[in-house]
Amino acid sequence: MKVAIFDFDGTLYAEETFKLLMNHLKEHPIYHTKYNRFYRAITPLYIAYKIKLYPQSKMKEKSMQLYLNAFEGFSTAQMDAYFEEFKEKIKSGINQEVIKRLYQHQKENIHILLVSGAYTQFLHRVTDGISFDHIIGSNITFKNDKIDINTPILHINGTRKTEHILNILKDIDVDWENSYAYGDSFSDLPVLELVGHPVAVKPEEKLRSVATERGWEII
C-alpha cells in the first residue's frame, strides 16, 4: 500500500496555526480575558528562546501547554466548540496546490495521513470535510471531561512524527519507495526521508537547501 503524508502548518494550511490561536484568543468576544494569563506566562519563555537559553522544540511544546492552561475547566464539548470557530479562517488559508495533490492521491487509493504538531482536536474540527485515513497531532488530555492541565502536552514534531507514523502503520505493508510526503520545515525532514517522493512546500531555507541538493520536488 502507498501512503501520502501531509504536514499541516505551512503545508496544507499556508500559515502557522499557533499564531492564529493566539490572535483568536486575544480578540475573542468572550474569552479575551484569558489571553492576559497566557501572555504573562509565555513572555519569559519566549525571551529565553530568543536569547538561545531555551530550545525551539521545548519552547513550542511549553507554549502549547500554557495556551491550554488558559482553558482550565473546559469540557470536551467547549473546546470542540472553540476550535470550530476557526473553520472558515483555515478554509481560506488552504494551499490549493497541496489540496489538489491530496485529492489526486485519494483517487489513486493512496492511504492519506495528516501529521502535525497542532492539537489533534483542533485538526479534527478545522479539517472537517477533508477525508484522512489517520490524523496524528498533539493530544489534549481530558479527565472527568475537563481539560487535565496537569498532564503535559506531548508535542508531535520531528522524530516524534515518524515514530507515530510507523506505529500507526506497523501492521500495514507500506510501499515506502512509491509513497509521498509533503512538508515545509526542516523539522519535517525525518518524515520526508521516509518516502520515495518527498515534496518540499514553500520550504524554509534549510529545507530548501536539502531539497535542492537531493533533487526533491519543490512546490
N, C-alpha and C. Protein backbone atom coordinates (compact mmCIF):
# COMPACT_ATOMS: atom_id res chain seq x y z
N MET A 1 0.83 -1.19 0.00
CA MET A 1 0.00 0.00 0.00
C MET A 1 0.87 1.25 0.00
N LYS A 2 0.48 2.24 -0.79
CA LYS A 2 1.17 3.53 -0.80
C LYS A 2 0.52 4.47 0.20
N VAL A 3 1.30 5.38 0.74
CA VAL A 3 0.77 6.39 1.65
C VAL A 3 1.17 7.78 1.15
N ALA A 4 0.40 8.77 1.57
CA ALA A 4 0.74 10.18 1.34
C ALA A 4 0.59 10.90 2.67
N ILE A 5 1.67 11.50 3.14
CA ILE A 5 1.71 12.11 4.47
C ILE A 5 1.77 13.63 4.30
N PHE A 6 0.83 14.31 4.94
CA PHE A 6 0.75 15.76 4.81
C PHE A 6 0.99 16.43 6.16
N ASP A 7 1.91 17.36 6.17
CA ASP A 7 2.05 18.28 7.30
C ASP A 7 0.91 19.30 7.19
N PHE A 8 0.63 20.01 8.28
CA PHE A 8 -0.46 20.99 8.26
C PHE A 8 0.08 22.42 8.19
N ASP A 9 0.70 22.90 9.26
CA ASP A 9 1.18 24.28 9.28
C ASP A 9 2.19 24.53 8.18
N GLY A 10 1.94 25.53 7.34
CA GLY A 10 2.86 25.89 6.29
C GLY A 10 2.82 24.97 5.09
N THR A 11 2.01 23.94 5.14
CA THR A 11 1.95 22.97 4.04
C THR A 11 0.51 22.88 3.50
N LEU A 12 -0.33 22.12 4.17
CA LEU A 12 -1.74 22.08 3.75
C LEU A 12 -2.41 23.41 4.06
N TYR A 13 -2.09 23.97 5.22
CA TYR A 13 -2.54 25.31 5.59
C TYR A 13 -1.35 26.23 5.46
N ALA A 14 -1.55 27.38 4.82
CA ALA A 14 -0.43 28.23 4.42
C ALA A 14 0.27 28.95 5.58
N GLU A 15 -0.38 29.06 6.73
CA GLU A 15 0.18 29.84 7.84
C GLU A 15 0.52 28.95 9.04
N GLU A 16 0.89 29.59 10.14
CA GLU A 16 1.18 28.89 11.39
C GLU A 16 -0.05 28.94 12.29
N THR A 17 -0.53 27.79 12.71
CA THR A 17 -1.78 27.76 13.46
C THR A 17 -1.64 28.34 14.86
N PHE A 18 -0.46 28.27 15.47
CA PHE A 18 -0.34 28.76 16.84
C PHE A 18 -0.50 30.28 16.88
N LYS A 19 0.01 30.96 15.87
CA LYS A 19 -0.20 32.41 15.78
C LYS A 19 -1.69 32.72 15.64
N LEU A 20 -2.36 31.89 14.86
CA LEU A 20 -3.80 32.04 14.68
C LEU A 20 -4.53 31.84 16.00
N LEU A 21 -4.12 30.82 16.75
CA LEU A 21 -4.72 30.54 18.06
C LEU A 21 -4.52 31.71 19.01
N MET A 22 -3.32 32.27 19.03
CA MET A 22 -3.03 33.39 19.92
C MET A 22 -3.90 34.60 19.60
N ASN A 23 -3.95 34.95 18.32
CA ASN A 23 -4.73 36.12 17.92
C ASN A 23 -6.22 35.92 18.16
N HIS A 24 -6.68 34.70 17.95
CA HIS A 24 -8.10 34.41 18.15
C HIS A 24 -8.49 34.59 19.62
N LEU A 25 -7.63 34.11 20.51
CA LEU A 25 -7.90 34.25 21.94
C LEU A 25 -7.84 35.72 22.34
N LYS A 26 -6.85 36.43 21.83
CA LYS A 26 -6.69 37.85 22.17
C LYS A 26 -7.90 38.68 21.77
N GLU A 27 -8.51 38.36 20.64
CA GLU A 27 -9.62 39.14 20.10
C GLU A 27 -10.99 38.53 20.36
N HIS A 28 -11.04 37.43 21.10
CA HIS A 28 -12.30 36.71 21.29
C HIS A 28 -13.28 37.55 22.12
N PRO A 29 -14.54 37.63 21.69
CA PRO A 29 -15.51 38.46 22.41
C PRO A 29 -15.83 37.96 23.81
N ILE A 30 -15.63 36.68 24.07
CA ILE A 30 -15.95 36.11 25.39
C ILE A 30 -14.69 35.77 26.17
N TYR A 31 -13.71 35.14 25.52
CA TYR A 31 -12.56 34.58 26.22
C TYR A 31 -11.32 35.47 26.20
N HIS A 32 -11.42 36.68 25.69
CA HIS A 32 -10.23 37.53 25.54
C HIS A 32 -9.51 37.80 26.87
N THR A 33 -10.25 37.75 27.97
CA THR A 33 -9.62 38.00 29.28
C THR A 33 -8.62 36.90 29.64
N LYS A 34 -8.78 35.73 29.04
CA LYS A 34 -7.86 34.63 29.30
C LYS A 34 -6.50 34.85 28.63
N TYR A 35 -6.47 35.75 27.67
CA TYR A 35 -5.22 36.00 26.94
C TYR A 35 -4.14 36.56 27.87
N ASN A 36 -4.53 37.41 28.80
CA ASN A 36 -3.54 38.04 29.69
C ASN A 36 -2.78 36.99 30.51
N ARG A 37 -3.52 36.00 31.00
CA ARG A 37 -2.88 34.93 31.76
C ARG A 37 -1.86 34.19 30.89
N PHE A 38 -2.28 33.89 29.68
CA PHE A 38 -1.40 33.18 28.75
C PHE A 38 -0.17 34.04 28.40
N TYR A 39 -0.39 35.32 28.12
CA TYR A 39 0.70 36.21 27.70
C TYR A 39 1.74 36.38 28.80
N ARG A 40 1.26 36.54 30.03
CA ARG A 40 2.20 36.69 31.16
C ARG A 40 3.06 35.44 31.33
N ALA A 41 2.46 34.29 31.09
CA ALA A 41 3.19 33.03 31.27
C ALA A 41 4.18 32.77 30.14
N ILE A 42 3.82 33.17 28.92
CA ILE A 42 4.66 32.82 27.77
C ILE A 42 5.81 33.80 27.55
N THR A 43 5.68 35.02 28.03
CA THR A 43 6.70 36.04 27.75
C THR A 43 8.09 35.66 28.21
N PRO A 44 8.29 35.21 29.47
CA PRO A 44 9.65 34.82 29.90
C PRO A 44 10.20 33.65 29.07
N LEU A 45 9.32 32.73 28.71
CA LEU A 45 9.72 31.58 27.91
C LEU A 45 10.21 32.03 26.53
N TYR A 46 9.47 32.95 25.93
CA TYR A 46 9.83 33.43 24.59
C TYR A 46 11.14 34.21 24.62
N ILE A 47 11.35 35.00 25.64
CA ILE A 47 12.59 35.75 25.78
C ILE A 47 13.78 34.79 25.92
N ALA A 48 13.60 33.75 26.72
CA ALA A 48 14.66 32.75 26.90
C ALA A 48 15.00 32.06 25.58
N TYR A 49 13.97 31.81 24.78
CA TYR A 49 14.19 31.19 23.47
C TYR A 49 14.95 32.14 22.54
N LYS A 50 14.56 33.42 22.53
CA LYS A 50 15.17 34.39 21.62
C LYS A 50 16.65 34.61 21.95
N ILE A 51 17.02 34.51 23.22
CA ILE A 51 18.44 34.70 23.58
C ILE A 51 19.16 33.35 23.68
N LYS A 52 18.49 32.32 23.09
CA LYS A 52 19.10 31.00 22.93
C LYS A 52 19.39 30.27 24.24
N LEU A 53 18.56 30.53 25.24
CA LEU A 53 18.68 29.80 26.50
C LEU A 53 17.68 28.65 26.59
N TYR A 54 16.78 28.57 25.58
CA TYR A 54 15.74 27.56 25.60
C TYR A 54 15.55 27.06 24.17
N PRO A 55 15.60 25.75 23.91
CA PRO A 55 15.49 25.24 22.54
C PRO A 55 14.09 25.45 21.96
N GLN A 56 14.05 25.62 20.65
CA GLN A 56 12.78 25.90 19.97
C GLN A 56 11.75 24.80 20.19
N SER A 57 12.16 23.54 20.11
CA SER A 57 11.22 22.43 20.26
C SER A 57 10.55 22.46 21.62
N LYS A 58 11.35 22.73 22.67
CA LYS A 58 10.79 22.79 24.02
C LYS A 58 9.92 24.03 24.20
N MET A 59 10.32 25.12 23.56
CA MET A 59 9.53 26.35 23.63
C MET A 59 8.15 26.14 23.03
N LYS A 60 8.09 25.47 21.88
CA LYS A 60 6.80 25.22 21.23
C LYS A 60 5.93 24.31 22.10
N GLU A 61 6.52 23.28 22.66
CA GLU A 61 5.78 22.34 23.48
C GLU A 61 5.22 23.03 24.72
N LYS A 62 6.06 23.82 25.38
CA LYS A 62 5.63 24.54 26.58
C LYS A 62 4.58 25.59 26.25
N SER A 63 4.71 26.25 25.11
CA SER A 63 3.74 27.26 24.70
C SER A 63 2.35 26.65 24.50
N MET A 64 2.32 25.46 23.92
CA MET A 64 1.04 24.79 23.72
C MET A 64 0.39 24.42 25.05
N GLN A 65 1.24 24.04 26.02
CA GLN A 65 0.73 23.73 27.36
C GLN A 65 0.17 24.98 28.02
N LEU A 66 0.88 26.08 27.92
CA LEU A 66 0.44 27.34 28.53
C LEU A 66 -0.85 27.84 27.91
N TYR A 67 -1.00 27.64 26.62
CA TYR A 67 -2.24 28.05 25.95
C TYR A 67 -3.42 27.27 26.52
N LEU A 68 -3.24 25.98 26.69
CA LEU A 68 -4.32 25.14 27.24
C LEU A 68 -4.64 25.52 28.68
N ASN A 69 -3.62 25.92 29.43
CA ASN A 69 -3.85 26.29 30.83
C ASN A 69 -4.88 27.41 30.96
N ALA A 70 -4.97 28.25 29.96
CA ALA A 70 -5.94 29.35 29.98
C ALA A 70 -7.37 28.83 29.92
N PHE A 71 -7.53 27.57 29.49
CA PHE A 71 -8.87 26.98 29.36
C PHE A 71 -9.14 25.93 30.44
N GLU A 72 -8.46 26.07 31.54
CA GLU A 72 -8.64 25.15 32.66
C GLU A 72 -10.12 25.03 33.02
N GLY A 73 -10.61 23.80 33.14
CA GLY A 73 -12.01 23.57 33.49
C GLY A 73 -12.92 23.38 32.29
N PHE A 74 -12.42 23.62 31.08
CA PHE A 74 -13.25 23.47 29.89
C PHE A 74 -13.50 21.98 29.61
N SER A 75 -14.69 21.70 29.13
CA SER A 75 -15.07 20.33 28.76
C SER A 75 -14.66 20.05 27.32
N THR A 76 -14.78 18.79 26.94
CA THR A 76 -14.51 18.41 25.55
C THR A 76 -15.40 19.19 24.60
N ALA A 77 -16.69 19.28 24.93
CA ALA A 77 -17.63 19.99 24.07
C ALA A 77 -17.29 21.47 23.94
N GLN A 78 -16.85 22.08 25.02
CA GLN A 78 -16.48 23.50 24.98
C GLN A 78 -15.25 23.74 24.11
N MET A 79 -14.26 22.86 24.21
CA MET A 79 -13.07 23.01 23.38
C MET A 79 -13.39 22.74 21.91
N ASP A 80 -14.24 21.75 21.65
CA ASP A 80 -14.65 21.47 20.28
C ASP A 80 -15.35 22.69 19.68
N ALA A 81 -16.22 23.30 20.47
CA ALA A 81 -16.94 24.49 20.01
C ALA A 81 -15.97 25.64 19.74
N TYR A 82 -14.99 25.79 20.61
CA TYR A 82 -13.99 26.85 20.43
C TYR A 82 -13.18 26.62 19.15
N PHE A 83 -12.73 25.40 18.94
CA PHE A 83 -11.95 25.09 17.74
C PHE A 83 -12.80 25.19 16.47
N GLU A 84 -14.07 24.95 16.60
CA GLU A 84 -14.99 25.05 15.46
C GLU A 84 -14.99 26.47 14.88
N GLU A 85 -14.70 27.44 15.74
CA GLU A 85 -14.73 28.84 15.31
C GLU A 85 -13.62 29.15 14.30
N PHE A 86 -12.64 28.28 14.17
CA PHE A 86 -11.52 28.52 13.27
C PHE A 86 -11.76 28.01 11.85
N LYS A 87 -12.83 27.28 11.62
CA LYS A 87 -13.00 26.57 10.36
C LYS A 87 -12.92 27.47 9.13
N GLU A 88 -13.60 28.60 9.16
CA GLU A 88 -13.61 29.47 7.99
C GLU A 88 -12.25 30.10 7.75
N LYS A 89 -11.55 30.48 8.82
CA LYS A 89 -10.21 31.05 8.66
C LYS A 89 -9.26 30.02 8.06
N ILE A 90 -9.35 28.79 8.53
CA ILE A 90 -8.50 27.74 8.00
C ILE A 90 -8.84 27.46 6.54
N LYS A 91 -10.12 27.40 6.25
CA LYS A 91 -10.57 27.11 4.89
C LYS A 91 -10.01 28.13 3.90
N SER A 92 -9.98 29.40 4.29
CA SER A 92 -9.49 30.45 3.39
C SER A 92 -7.98 30.41 3.21
N GLY A 93 -7.28 29.69 4.11
CA GLY A 93 -5.83 29.63 4.03
C GLY A 93 -5.27 28.32 3.51
N ILE A 94 -6.14 27.44 3.02
CA ILE A 94 -5.68 26.16 2.50
C ILE A 94 -4.86 26.37 1.22
N ASN A 95 -3.72 25.71 1.14
CA ASN A 95 -2.88 25.75 -0.05
C ASN A 95 -3.55 24.92 -1.15
N GLN A 96 -4.03 25.59 -2.18
CA GLN A 96 -4.83 24.92 -3.19
C GLN A 96 -4.03 23.90 -4.00
N GLU A 97 -2.76 24.16 -4.22
CA GLU A 97 -1.94 23.20 -4.95
C GLU A 97 -1.78 21.91 -4.14
N VAL A 98 -1.61 22.05 -2.83
CA VAL A 98 -1.43 20.87 -1.98
C VAL A 98 -2.73 20.09 -1.84
N ILE A 99 -3.84 20.80 -1.70
CA ILE A 99 -5.12 20.09 -1.56
C ILE A 99 -5.46 19.34 -2.85
N LYS A 100 -5.04 19.87 -4.01
CA LYS A 100 -5.24 19.15 -5.27
C LYS A 100 -4.46 17.85 -5.26
N ARG A 101 -3.24 17.91 -4.73
CA ARG A 101 -2.42 16.69 -4.64
C ARG A 101 -3.12 15.67 -3.73
N LEU A 102 -3.65 16.15 -2.62
CA LEU A 102 -4.33 15.25 -1.68
C LEU A 102 -5.50 14.55 -2.36
N TYR A 103 -6.33 15.31 -3.07
CA TYR A 103 -7.49 14.72 -3.75
C TYR A 103 -7.05 13.74 -4.83
N GLN A 104 -5.96 14.07 -5.53
CA GLN A 104 -5.46 13.16 -6.56
C GLN A 104 -4.98 11.85 -5.95
N HIS A 105 -4.29 11.94 -4.82
CA HIS A 105 -3.85 10.72 -4.14
C HIS A 105 -5.04 9.88 -3.67
N GLN A 106 -6.10 10.53 -3.24
CA GLN A 106 -7.28 9.79 -2.83
C GLN A 106 -7.88 9.02 -4.00
N LYS A 107 -7.91 9.65 -5.19
CA LYS A 107 -8.42 8.97 -6.38
C LYS A 107 -7.58 7.75 -6.73
N GLU A 108 -6.31 7.81 -6.36
CA GLU A 108 -5.39 6.69 -6.64
C GLU A 108 -5.41 5.64 -5.52
N ASN A 109 -6.35 5.81 -4.58
CA ASN A 109 -6.49 4.88 -3.44
C ASN A 109 -5.22 4.81 -2.58
N ILE A 110 -4.57 5.95 -2.45
CA ILE A 110 -3.40 6.06 -1.58
C ILE A 110 -3.88 6.41 -0.17
N HIS A 111 -3.26 5.80 0.81
CA HIS A 111 -3.62 5.99 2.22
C HIS A 111 -3.15 7.38 2.67
N ILE A 112 -4.07 8.23 3.15
CA ILE A 112 -3.76 9.62 3.45
C ILE A 112 -3.62 9.85 4.96
N LEU A 113 -2.49 10.45 5.35
CA LEU A 113 -2.26 10.79 6.76
C LEU A 113 -2.02 12.29 6.89
N LEU A 114 -2.63 12.88 7.91
CA LEU A 114 -2.33 14.26 8.31
C LEU A 114 -1.51 14.17 9.59
N VAL A 115 -0.30 14.72 9.57
CA VAL A 115 0.60 14.61 10.72
C VAL A 115 1.08 16.01 11.07
N SER A 116 0.76 16.45 12.29
CA SER A 116 1.02 17.84 12.65
C SER A 116 1.29 17.97 14.14
N GLY A 117 2.00 19.03 14.49
CA GLY A 117 2.20 19.34 15.90
C GLY A 117 1.03 20.05 16.52
N ALA A 118 0.05 20.47 15.71
CA ALA A 118 -1.14 21.16 16.22
C ALA A 118 -1.97 20.22 17.08
N TYR A 119 -2.84 20.80 17.91
CA TYR A 119 -3.72 19.98 18.75
C TYR A 119 -4.55 19.03 17.88
N THR A 120 -4.61 17.78 18.27
CA THR A 120 -5.37 16.79 17.50
C THR A 120 -6.84 17.19 17.37
N GLN A 121 -7.43 17.62 18.47
CA GLN A 121 -8.84 18.01 18.46
C GLN A 121 -9.08 19.20 17.54
N PHE A 122 -8.13 20.11 17.49
CA PHE A 122 -8.20 21.26 16.57
C PHE A 122 -8.18 20.77 15.12
N LEU A 123 -7.28 19.87 14.81
CA LEU A 123 -7.16 19.35 13.45
C LEU A 123 -8.44 18.67 12.99
N HIS A 124 -9.06 17.90 13.86
CA HIS A 124 -10.31 17.23 13.51
C HIS A 124 -11.41 18.25 13.19
N ARG A 125 -11.47 19.31 13.97
CA ARG A 125 -12.53 20.31 13.77
C ARG A 125 -12.32 21.12 12.50
N VAL A 126 -11.10 21.59 12.27
CA VAL A 126 -10.88 22.53 11.16
C VAL A 126 -10.72 21.85 9.81
N THR A 127 -10.51 20.53 9.80
CA THR A 127 -10.39 19.82 8.52
C THR A 127 -11.65 19.03 8.21
N ASP A 128 -12.71 19.30 8.92
CA ASP A 128 -13.99 18.64 8.65
C ASP A 128 -14.37 18.89 7.19
N GLY A 129 -14.61 17.82 6.46
CA GLY A 129 -14.91 17.94 5.04
C GLY A 129 -13.75 17.46 4.17
N ILE A 130 -12.56 17.34 4.77
CA ILE A 130 -11.40 16.75 4.08
C ILE A 130 -11.18 15.38 4.69
N SER A 131 -11.12 14.36 3.85
CA SER A 131 -11.04 12.99 4.36
C SER A 131 -9.59 12.54 4.55
N PHE A 132 -9.29 12.05 5.75
CA PHE A 132 -7.99 11.47 6.06
C PHE A 132 -8.20 10.06 6.62
N ASP A 133 -7.28 9.18 6.31
CA ASP A 133 -7.33 7.84 6.91
C ASP A 133 -6.85 7.89 8.36
N HIS A 134 -5.91 8.78 8.64
CA HIS A 134 -5.43 8.97 10.01
C HIS A 134 -5.07 10.43 10.22
N ILE A 135 -5.34 10.93 11.41
CA ILE A 135 -4.89 12.25 11.83
C ILE A 135 -4.03 12.08 13.07
N ILE A 136 -2.80 12.54 12.99
CA ILE A 136 -1.87 12.48 14.11
C ILE A 136 -1.54 13.89 14.53
N GLY A 137 -1.79 14.21 15.80
CA GLY A 137 -1.48 15.54 16.32
C GLY A 137 -1.08 15.46 17.78
N SER A 138 -0.98 16.60 18.40
CA SER A 138 -0.65 16.68 19.83
C SER A 138 -1.94 16.61 20.64
N ASN A 139 -2.11 15.54 21.37
CA ASN A 139 -3.38 15.28 22.05
C ASN A 139 -3.59 16.15 23.29
N ILE A 140 -4.80 16.64 23.45
CA ILE A 140 -5.23 17.31 24.67
C ILE A 140 -5.82 16.25 25.59
N THR A 141 -5.33 16.18 26.81
CA THR A 141 -5.82 15.18 27.76
C THR A 141 -6.98 15.75 28.57
N PHE A 142 -8.03 14.95 28.67
CA PHE A 142 -9.19 15.31 29.49
C PHE A 142 -9.33 14.30 30.63
N LYS A 143 -9.75 14.79 31.79
CA LYS A 143 -10.01 13.94 32.94
C LYS A 143 -11.37 14.32 33.51
N ASN A 144 -12.27 13.33 33.59
CA ASN A 144 -13.65 13.60 34.01
C ASN A 144 -14.27 14.69 33.13
N ASP A 145 -13.96 14.61 31.83
CA ASP A 145 -14.47 15.53 30.81
C ASP A 145 -14.06 16.98 31.04
N LYS A 146 -12.92 17.18 31.69
CA LYS A 146 -12.35 18.52 31.84
C LYS A 146 -10.89 18.47 31.40
N ILE A 147 -10.41 19.56 30.82
CA ILE A 147 -9.01 19.59 30.42
C ILE A 147 -8.12 19.31 31.61
N ASP A 148 -7.22 18.36 31.44
CA ASP A 148 -6.29 18.00 32.51
C ASP A 148 -4.99 18.76 32.29
N ILE A 149 -4.85 19.91 32.92
CA ILE A 149 -3.66 20.74 32.71
C ILE A 149 -2.43 20.16 33.42
N ASN A 150 -2.63 19.14 34.25
CA ASN A 150 -1.51 18.52 34.95
C ASN A 150 -0.81 17.45 34.12
N THR A 151 -1.43 17.06 33.00
CA THR A 151 -0.79 16.11 32.10
C THR A 151 -0.13 16.89 30.97
N PRO A 152 1.20 16.87 30.90
CA PRO A 152 1.91 17.69 29.90
C PRO A 152 1.55 17.30 28.46
N ILE A 153 1.52 18.31 27.62
CA ILE A 153 1.33 18.09 26.19
C ILE A 153 2.58 17.41 25.62
N LEU A 154 2.38 16.40 24.79
CA LEU A 154 3.48 15.79 24.05
C LEU A 154 3.41 16.33 22.63
N HIS A 155 4.26 17.32 22.35
CA HIS A 155 4.24 17.97 21.05
C HIS A 155 4.77 17.04 19.97
N ILE A 156 3.96 16.78 18.95
CA ILE A 156 4.35 15.87 17.88
C ILE A 156 5.14 16.65 16.84
N ASN A 157 6.45 16.47 16.88
CA ASN A 157 7.32 17.21 15.98
C ASN A 157 8.58 16.41 15.72
N GLY A 158 9.22 16.65 14.57
CA GLY A 158 10.47 15.98 14.25
C GLY A 158 10.36 14.46 14.26
N THR A 159 11.26 13.81 15.01
CA THR A 159 11.28 12.35 15.03
C THR A 159 10.04 11.76 15.68
N ARG A 160 9.35 12.53 16.53
CA ARG A 160 8.11 12.03 17.11
C ARG A 160 7.06 11.77 16.03
N LYS A 161 7.10 12.58 14.97
CA LYS A 161 6.17 12.35 13.86
C LYS A 161 6.41 10.98 13.23
N THR A 162 7.67 10.67 12.95
CA THR A 162 7.97 9.39 12.32
C THR A 162 7.61 8.23 13.25
N GLU A 163 7.86 8.40 14.54
CA GLU A 163 7.52 7.35 15.50
C GLU A 163 6.03 7.04 15.47
N HIS A 164 5.20 8.08 15.46
CA HIS A 164 3.75 7.88 15.45
C HIS A 164 3.27 7.32 14.11
N ILE A 165 3.87 7.78 13.03
CA ILE A 165 3.51 7.25 11.70
C ILE A 165 3.81 5.76 11.63
N LEU A 166 5.01 5.38 12.02
CA LEU A 166 5.41 3.98 11.95
C LEU A 166 4.58 3.12 12.88
N ASN A 167 4.19 3.66 14.02
CA ASN A 167 3.36 2.91 14.96
C ASN A 167 1.96 2.66 14.39
N ILE A 168 1.38 3.69 13.78
CA ILE A 168 0.04 3.54 13.20
C ILE A 168 0.04 2.57 12.01
N LEU A 169 1.15 2.57 11.27
CA LEU A 169 1.21 1.74 10.06
C LEU A 169 1.94 0.41 10.28
N LYS A 170 2.18 0.05 11.54
CA LYS A 170 3.02 -1.12 11.83
C LYS A 170 2.44 -2.42 11.30
N ASP A 171 1.13 -2.51 11.16
CA ASP A 171 0.52 -3.75 10.68
C ASP A 171 0.18 -3.68 9.19
N ILE A 172 0.68 -2.66 8.52
CA ILE A 172 0.39 -2.47 7.10
C ILE A 172 1.68 -2.59 6.30
N ASP A 173 1.61 -3.28 5.18
CA ASP A 173 2.76 -3.42 4.30
C ASP A 173 2.83 -2.19 3.40
N VAL A 174 3.66 -1.22 3.79
CA VAL A 174 3.72 0.06 3.09
C VAL A 174 4.80 0.03 2.01
N ASP A 175 4.42 0.49 0.83
CA ASP A 175 5.36 0.66 -0.28
C ASP A 175 5.98 2.05 -0.15
N TRP A 176 7.00 2.15 0.71
CA TRP A 176 7.58 3.46 1.02
C TRP A 176 8.21 4.11 -0.21
N GLU A 177 8.83 3.31 -1.07
CA GLU A 177 9.53 3.87 -2.23
C GLU A 177 8.58 4.62 -3.16
N ASN A 178 7.33 4.19 -3.21
CA ASN A 178 6.35 4.83 -4.09
C ASN A 178 5.33 5.66 -3.32
N SER A 179 5.69 6.03 -2.10
CA SER A 179 4.82 6.86 -1.27
C SER A 179 5.29 8.31 -1.30
N TYR A 180 4.44 9.20 -0.73
CA TYR A 180 4.66 10.64 -0.81
C TYR A 180 4.63 11.27 0.59
N ALA A 181 5.35 12.38 0.73
CA ALA A 181 5.27 13.18 1.96
C ALA A 181 5.44 14.64 1.58
N TYR A 182 4.69 15.50 2.28
CA TYR A 182 4.69 16.94 2.00
C TYR A 182 5.00 17.69 3.29
N GLY A 183 6.00 18.59 3.25
CA GLY A 183 6.33 19.36 4.43
C GLY A 183 7.03 20.66 4.05
N ASP A 184 7.06 21.60 4.98
CA ASP A 184 7.63 22.92 4.71
C ASP A 184 8.85 23.24 5.58
N SER A 185 9.05 22.47 6.63
CA SER A 185 10.05 22.81 7.63
C SER A 185 11.17 21.79 7.69
N PHE A 186 12.35 22.25 8.10
CA PHE A 186 13.48 21.34 8.27
C PHE A 186 13.16 20.26 9.30
N SER A 187 12.29 20.58 10.26
CA SER A 187 11.89 19.59 11.26
C SER A 187 11.05 18.46 10.65
N ASP A 188 10.55 18.67 9.41
CA ASP A 188 9.79 17.63 8.71
C ASP A 188 10.71 16.63 7.99
N LEU A 189 12.01 16.88 8.04
CA LEU A 189 12.96 16.05 7.30
C LEU A 189 12.84 14.56 7.62
N PRO A 190 12.71 14.15 8.89
CA PRO A 190 12.59 12.71 9.16
C PRO A 190 11.39 12.07 8.47
N VAL A 191 10.29 12.82 8.32
CA VAL A 191 9.11 12.29 7.63
C VAL A 191 9.37 12.24 6.13
N LEU A 192 9.94 13.30 5.58
CA LEU A 192 10.21 13.36 4.14
C LEU A 192 11.17 12.25 3.71
N GLU A 193 12.09 11.89 4.60
CA GLU A 193 13.07 10.85 4.28
C GLU A 193 12.49 9.44 4.33
N LEU A 194 11.27 9.32 4.83
CA LEU A 194 10.62 8.00 4.88
C LEU A 194 10.22 7.50 3.50
N VAL A 195 9.96 8.43 2.58
CA VAL A 195 9.29 8.08 1.32
C VAL A 195 10.18 8.29 0.10
N GLY A 196 9.74 7.71 -1.01
CA GLY A 196 10.47 7.86 -2.27
C GLY A 196 10.15 9.14 -3.00
N HIS A 197 9.02 9.79 -2.62
CA HIS A 197 8.61 11.02 -3.29
C HIS A 197 8.37 12.14 -2.27
N PRO A 198 9.44 12.69 -1.71
CA PRO A 198 9.28 13.82 -0.79
C PRO A 198 9.03 15.11 -1.56
N VAL A 199 8.15 15.96 -1.01
CA VAL A 199 7.83 17.23 -1.66
C VAL A 199 7.97 18.35 -0.64
N ALA A 200 8.83 19.32 -0.93
CA ALA A 200 9.00 20.48 -0.06
C ALA A 200 8.04 21.58 -0.50
N VAL A 201 7.20 22.02 0.43
CA VAL A 201 6.15 23.01 0.12
C VAL A 201 6.55 24.38 0.68
N LYS A 202 6.79 25.34 -0.20
CA LYS A 202 7.24 26.67 0.23
C LYS A 202 8.24 26.53 1.38
N PRO A 203 9.31 25.78 1.16
CA PRO A 203 10.18 25.38 2.27
C PRO A 203 10.98 26.53 2.86
N GLU A 204 11.22 26.42 4.16
CA GLU A 204 12.14 27.34 4.81
C GLU A 204 13.54 27.08 4.25
N GLU A 205 14.47 28.00 4.50
CA GLU A 205 15.77 27.98 3.83
C GLU A 205 16.53 26.67 4.00
N LYS A 206 16.58 26.14 5.23
CA LYS A 206 17.35 24.92 5.47
C LYS A 206 16.76 23.73 4.70
N LEU A 207 15.44 23.63 4.67
CA LEU A 207 14.82 22.52 3.95
C LEU A 207 14.98 22.72 2.44
N ARG A 208 14.88 23.96 1.98
CA ARG A 208 15.06 24.23 0.55
C ARG A 208 16.45 23.78 0.09
N SER A 209 17.44 24.02 0.91
CA SER A 209 18.81 23.62 0.56
C SER A 209 18.91 22.11 0.42
N VAL A 210 18.31 21.40 1.37
CA VAL A 210 18.33 19.93 1.32
C VAL A 210 17.57 19.43 0.09
N ALA A 211 16.38 20.00 -0.13
CA ALA A 211 15.54 19.56 -1.26
C ALA A 211 16.25 19.81 -2.59
N THR A 212 16.90 20.96 -2.71
CA THR A 212 17.62 21.28 -3.94
C THR A 212 18.80 20.35 -4.15
N GLU A 213 19.54 20.11 -3.09
CA GLU A 213 20.71 19.22 -3.16
C GLU A 213 20.32 17.80 -3.56
N ARG A 214 19.18 17.34 -3.05
CA ARG A 214 18.78 15.96 -3.30
C ARG A 214 17.84 15.81 -4.50
N GLY A 215 17.50 16.92 -5.13
CA GLY A 215 16.64 16.85 -6.32
C GLY A 215 15.18 16.55 -6.01
N TRP A 216 14.72 16.96 -4.83
CA TRP A 216 13.32 16.74 -4.47
C TRP A 216 12.43 17.78 -5.16
N GLU A 217 11.19 17.41 -5.32
CA GLU A 217 10.23 18.37 -5.88
C GLU A 217 9.97 19.49 -4.86
N ILE A 218 9.87 20.70 -5.39
CA ILE A 218 9.55 21.86 -4.56
C ILE A 218 8.31 22.54 -5.13
N ILE A 219 7.30 22.73 -4.26
CA ILE A 219 6.09 23.47 -4.64
C ILE A 219 6.23 24.88 -4.11
